[in-house]
Amino acid sequence: SPCTGRGWTCCPKAWKHFHKSCYYLSDDMMPLAESVKNCTEMGSHLVVINSEAEQAFLTQALQQSPKGTNYYIGLSAQEVSQWQWVDRTPYNESATFWRTGEPSNVIPEMCVVIHSNSQINNWNDVRCDRHYRICE
């Protein structure tokens, strides 16, 4: 296909391309477990944010969505403040994009969302209930 080789990445319809990944911004809401399963069934996982460039890309992509919407990323905790990425990438405090005053680090806020406002620092820890999701 015209998409393979020469470092090209082809993304399925409705997915957005950035660097060597494809991203799916859902238009429906699900609790965390269902969100994880939905991404997995599409051969992906909840997004793991590895750089400021990736965070900036996602922040911009979310500008086209209704404001004030929360999207799951692949960061969650089994115990308070023990943040873990879904793909086991080590959690690095210096490469995080929490909103001012976040994370709250309280039970039951054990999941992390990107809030679709214009700030690059837009992560918030929330209850693991129904939110939109970003698959990568």
C-alpha atoms as a PDB file:
ATOM      1  CA  SER A   1       0.000   0.000   0.000  1.00  0.00           C
ATOM      2  CA  PRO A   2       1.146   3.609  -0.424  1.00  0.00           C
ATOM      3  CA  CYS A   3       1.298   3.909   3.362  1.00  0.00           C
ATOM      4  CA  THR A   4       3.991   1.373   4.194  1.00  0.00           C
ATOM      5  CA  GLY A   5       7.731   1.881   3.908  1.00  0.00           C
ATOM      6  CA  ARG A   6       9.712   5.126   3.909  1.00  0.00           C
ATOM      7  CA  GLY A   7       8.724   5.753   7.539  1.00  0.00           C
ATOM      8  CA  TRP A   8       5.048   6.418   6.781  1.00  0.00           C
ATOM      9  CA  THR A   9       2.341   5.505   9.242  1.00  0.00           C
ATOM     10  CA  CYS A  10      -1.173   4.947   7.990  1.00  0.00           C
ATOM     11  CA  CYS A  11      -4.009   5.509  10.397  1.00  0.00           C
ATOM     12  CA  PRO A  12      -7.524   4.057  10.192  1.00  0.00           C
ATOM     13  CA  LYS A  13     -10.335   6.393   9.214  1.00  0.00           C
ATOM     14  CA  ALA A  14     -11.249   8.770  12.084  1.00  0.00           C
ATOM     15  CA  TRP A  15      -7.828   8.301  13.734  1.00  0.00           C
ATOM     16  CA  LYS A  16      -5.324  11.174  13.889  1.00  0.00           C
ATOM     17  CA  HIS A  17      -1.657  10.773  12.987  1.00  0.00           C
ATOM     18  CA  PHE A  18       1.266  12.203  14.957  1.00  0.00           C
ATOM     19  CA  HIS A  19       4.909  11.077  14.673  1.00  0.00           C
ATOM     20  CA  LYS A  20       4.760   7.271  14.509  1.00  0.00           C
ATOM     21  CA  SER A  21       1.433   6.789  16.266  1.00  0.00           C
ATOM     22  CA  CYS A  22      -2.259   6.932  15.498  1.00  0.00           C
ATOM     23  CA  TYR A  23      -4.752   8.391  17.966  1.00  0.00           C
ATOM     24  CA  TYR A  24      -8.471   7.840  18.380  1.00  0.00           C
ATOM     25  CA  LEU A  25     -10.534  10.441  20.246  1.00  0.00           C
ATOM     26  CA  SER A  26     -13.792   8.764  21.187  1.00  0.00           C
ATOM     27  CA  ASP A  27     -17.188  10.366  20.756  1.00  0.00           C
ATOM     28  CA  ASP A  28     -18.798   8.231  23.466  1.00  0.00           C
ATOM     29  CA  MET A  29     -18.195   7.825  27.197  1.00  0.00           C
ATOM     30  CA  MET A  30     -17.321   4.646  29.108  1.00  0.00           C
ATOM     31  CA  PRO A  31     -15.975   3.761  32.563  1.00  0.00           C
ATOM     32  CA  LEU A  32     -12.238   2.955  32.752  1.00  0.00           C
ATOM     33  CA  ALA A  33     -12.418  -0.849  32.397  1.00  0.00           C
ATOM     34  CA  GLU A  34     -14.607  -0.592  29.284  1.00  0.00           C
ATOM     35  CA  SER A  35     -12.359   2.150  27.883  1.00  0.00           C
ATOM     36  CA  VAL A  36      -9.298  -0.092  28.303  1.00  0.00           C
ATOM     37  CA  LYS A  37     -11.146  -2.979  26.623  1.00  0.00           C
ATOM     38  CA  ASN A  38     -12.383  -0.794  23.759  1.00  0.00           C
ATOM     39  CA  CYS A  39      -8.859   0.418  22.929  1.00  0.00           C
ATOM     40  CA  THR A  40      -7.484  -3.135  23.195  1.00  0.00           C
ATOM     41  CA  GLU A  41     -10.152  -4.453  20.825  1.00  0.00           C
ATOM     42  CA  MET A  42      -8.968  -1.873  18.276  1.00  0.00           C
ATOM     43  CA  GLY A  43      -5.364  -3.077  18.604  1.00  0.00           C
ATOM     44  CA  SER A  44      -4.334  -0.086  20.700  1.00  0.00           C
ATOM     45  CA  HIS A  45      -4.191   1.066  24.324  1.00  0.00           C
ATOM     46  CA  LEU A  46      -5.180   4.174  26.247  1.00  0.00           C
ATOM     47  CA  VAL A  47      -2.727   6.873  25.236  1.00  0.00           C
ATOM     48  CA  VAL A  48       0.702   6.998  26.891  1.00  0.00           C
ATOM     49  CA  ILE A  49       2.109  10.525  26.719  1.00  0.00           C
ATOM     50  CA  ASN A  50       5.882  10.476  26.332  1.00  0.00           C
ATOM     51  CA  SER A  51       6.752  14.043  25.392  1.00  0.00           C
ATOM     52  CA  GLU A  52       5.663  17.654  25.508  1.00  0.00           C
ATOM     53  CA  ALA A  53       5.250  17.538  21.704  1.00  0.00           C
ATOM     54  CA  GLU A  54       2.774  14.657  22.039  1.00  0.00           C
ATOM     55  CA  GLN A  55       0.933  16.458  24.848  1.00  0.00           C
ATOM     56  CA  ALA A  56       0.745  19.626  22.708  1.00  0.00           C
ATOM     57  CA  PHE A  57      -0.591  17.625  19.738  1.00  0.00           C
ATOM     58  CA  LEU A  58      -3.340  16.060  21.877  1.00  0.00           C
ATOM     59  CA  THR A  59      -4.211  19.392  23.501  1.00  0.00           C
ATOM     60  CA  GLN A  60      -4.623  20.906  20.031  1.00  0.00           C
ATOM     61  CA  ALA A  61      -6.627  17.913  18.748  1.00  0.00           C
ATOM     62  CA  LEU A  62      -9.009  18.290  21.694  1.00  0.00           C
ATOM     63  CA  GLN A  63      -9.629  21.939  20.809  1.00  0.00           C
ATOM     64  CA  GLN A  64     -11.956  20.621  18.103  1.00  0.00           C
ATOM     65  CA  SER A  65     -14.036  18.780  20.709  1.00  0.00           C
ATOM     66  CA  PRO A  66     -16.673  20.326  22.987  1.00  0.00           C
ATOM     67  CA  LYS A  67     -14.971  22.366  25.707  1.00  0.00           C
ATOM     68  CA  GLY A  68     -14.968  21.035  29.237  1.00  0.00           C
ATOM     69  CA  THR A  69     -14.768  17.402  28.217  1.00  0.00           C
ATOM     70  CA  ASN A  70     -12.607  14.815  29.982  1.00  0.00           C
ATOM     71  CA  TYR A  71     -10.696  12.167  28.022  1.00  0.00           C
ATOM     72  CA  TYR A  72      -9.048   9.160  29.686  1.00  0.00           C
ATOM     73  CA  ILE A  73      -5.317   8.718  29.200  1.00  0.00           C
ATOM     74  CA  GLY A  74      -3.444   5.529  30.064  1.00  0.00           C
ATOM     75  CA  LEU A  75      -2.397   6.679  33.533  1.00  0.00           C
ATOM     76  CA  SER A  76      -4.050   5.372  36.683  1.00  0.00           C
ATOM     77  CA  ALA A  77      -3.286   4.313  40.243  1.00  0.00           C
ATOM     78  CA  GLN A  78      -4.050   1.204  42.296  1.00  0.00           C
ATOM     79  CA  GLU A  79      -2.974   3.079  45.426  1.00  0.00           C
ATOM     80  CA  VAL A  80      -3.083   6.825  46.076  1.00  0.00           C
ATOM     81  CA  SER A  81      -0.346   8.700  44.174  1.00  0.00           C
ATOM     82  CA  GLN A  82       1.195   5.477  42.791  1.00  0.00           C
ATOM     83  CA  TRP A  83       0.693   6.480  39.144  1.00  0.00           C
ATOM     84  CA  GLN A  84       1.301   3.845  36.464  1.00  0.00           C
ATOM     85  CA  TRP A  85       1.156   3.972  32.680  1.00  0.00           C
ATOM     86  CA  VAL A  86      -0.875   1.239  30.990  1.00  0.00           C
ATOM     87  CA  ASP A  87       2.166   0.063  28.971  1.00  0.00           C
ATOM     88  CA  ARG A  88       4.448   0.061  32.061  1.00  0.00           C
ATOM     89  CA  THR A  89       6.414   3.114  30.879  1.00  0.00           C
ATOM     90  CA  PRO A  90       7.996   4.468  34.092  1.00  0.00           C
ATOM     91  CA  TYR A  91       6.061   7.381  35.581  1.00  0.00           C
ATOM     92  CA  ASN A  92       8.297  10.450  35.415  1.00  0.00           C
ATOM     93  CA  GLU A  93       7.094  13.396  37.496  1.00  0.00           C
ATOM     94  CA  SER A  94       9.100  15.850  35.375  1.00  0.00           C
ATOM     95  CA  ALA A  95       7.291  14.738  32.193  1.00  0.00           C
ATOM     96  CA  THR A  96       3.746  15.247  33.449  1.00  0.00           C
ATOM     97  CA  PHE A  97       1.163  17.873  32.570  1.00  0.00           C
ATOM     98  CA  TRP A  98      -1.068  18.201  35.635  1.00  0.00           C
ATOM     99  CA  ARG A  99      -3.383  21.188  35.992  1.00  0.00           C
ATOM    100  CA  THR A 100      -2.424  23.615  38.762  1.00  0.00           C
ATOM    101  CA  GLY A 101      -3.363  22.039  42.100  1.00  0.00           C
ATOM    102  CA  GLU A 102      -3.573  18.547  40.620  1.00  0.00           C
ATOM    103  CA  PRO A 103      -3.300  15.665  41.216  1.00  0.00           C
ATOM    104  CA  SER A 104      -5.534  15.693  44.283  1.00  0.00           C
ATOM    105  CA  ASN A 105      -4.140  12.262  45.258  1.00  0.00           C
ATOM    106  CA  VAL A 106      -7.320  11.212  47.041  1.00  0.00           C
ATOM    107  CA  ILE A 107      -9.445   8.096  46.877  1.00  0.00           C
ATOM    108  CA  PRO A 108     -11.473   7.583  44.711  1.00  0.00           C
ATOM    109  CA  GLU A 109      -9.670   9.767  42.130  1.00  0.00           C
ATOM    110  CA  MET A 110      -7.489   6.994  40.725  1.00  0.00           C
ATOM    111  CA  CYS A 111      -7.849   7.697  36.994  1.00  0.00           C
ATOM    112  CA  VAL A 112      -6.386  10.485  34.878  1.00  0.00           C
ATOM    113  CA  VAL A 113      -8.060  12.530  32.168  1.00  0.00           C
ATOM    114  CA  ILE A 114      -7.009  15.298  29.828  1.00  0.00           C
ATOM    115  CA  HIS A 115      -9.413  18.188  30.178  1.00  0.00           C
ATOM    116  CA  SER A 116     -10.010  19.734  26.751  1.00  0.00           C
ATOM    117  CA  ASN A 117      -9.137  23.307  27.607  1.00  0.00           C
ATOM    118  CA  SER A 118      -6.437  25.330  25.881  1.00  0.00           C
ATOM    119  CA  GLN A 119      -3.753  24.898  28.552  1.00  0.00           C
ATOM    120  CA  ILE A 120      -0.958  22.395  27.928  1.00  0.00           C
ATOM    121  CA  ASN A 121      -1.087  21.497  31.640  1.00  0.00           C
ATOM    122  CA  ASN A 122      -4.506  19.874  31.551  1.00  0.00           C
ATOM    123  CA  TRP A 123      -4.320  16.534  33.385  1.00  0.00           C
ATOM    124  CA  ASN A 124      -6.662  15.890  36.288  1.00  0.00           C
ATOM    125  CA  ASP A 125      -7.147  12.868  38.522  1.00  0.00           C
ATOM    126  CA  VAL A 126     -10.798  11.822  38.626  1.00  0.00           C
ATOM    127  CA  ARG A 127     -13.138   9.039  39.632  1.00  0.00           C
ATOM    128  CA  CYS A 128     -12.942   6.088  37.218  1.00  0.00           C
ATOM    129  CA  ASP A 129     -16.485   6.608  35.945  1.00  0.00           C
ATOM    130  CA  ARG A 130     -17.805   7.508  32.489  1.00  0.00           C
ATOM    131  CA  HIS A 131     -15.479   9.660  30.389  1.00  0.00           C
ATOM    132  CA  TYR A 132     -14.354   9.942  26.788  1.00  0.00           C
ATOM    133  CA  ARG A 133     -11.046   8.249  25.910  1.00  0.00           C
ATOM    134  CA  ILE A 134      -7.969   8.565  23.722  1.00  0.00           C
ATOM    135  CA  CYS A 135      -6.569   5.347  22.259  1.00  0.00           C
ATOM    136  CA  GLU A 136      -3.074   5.161  20.744  1.00  0.00           C
END
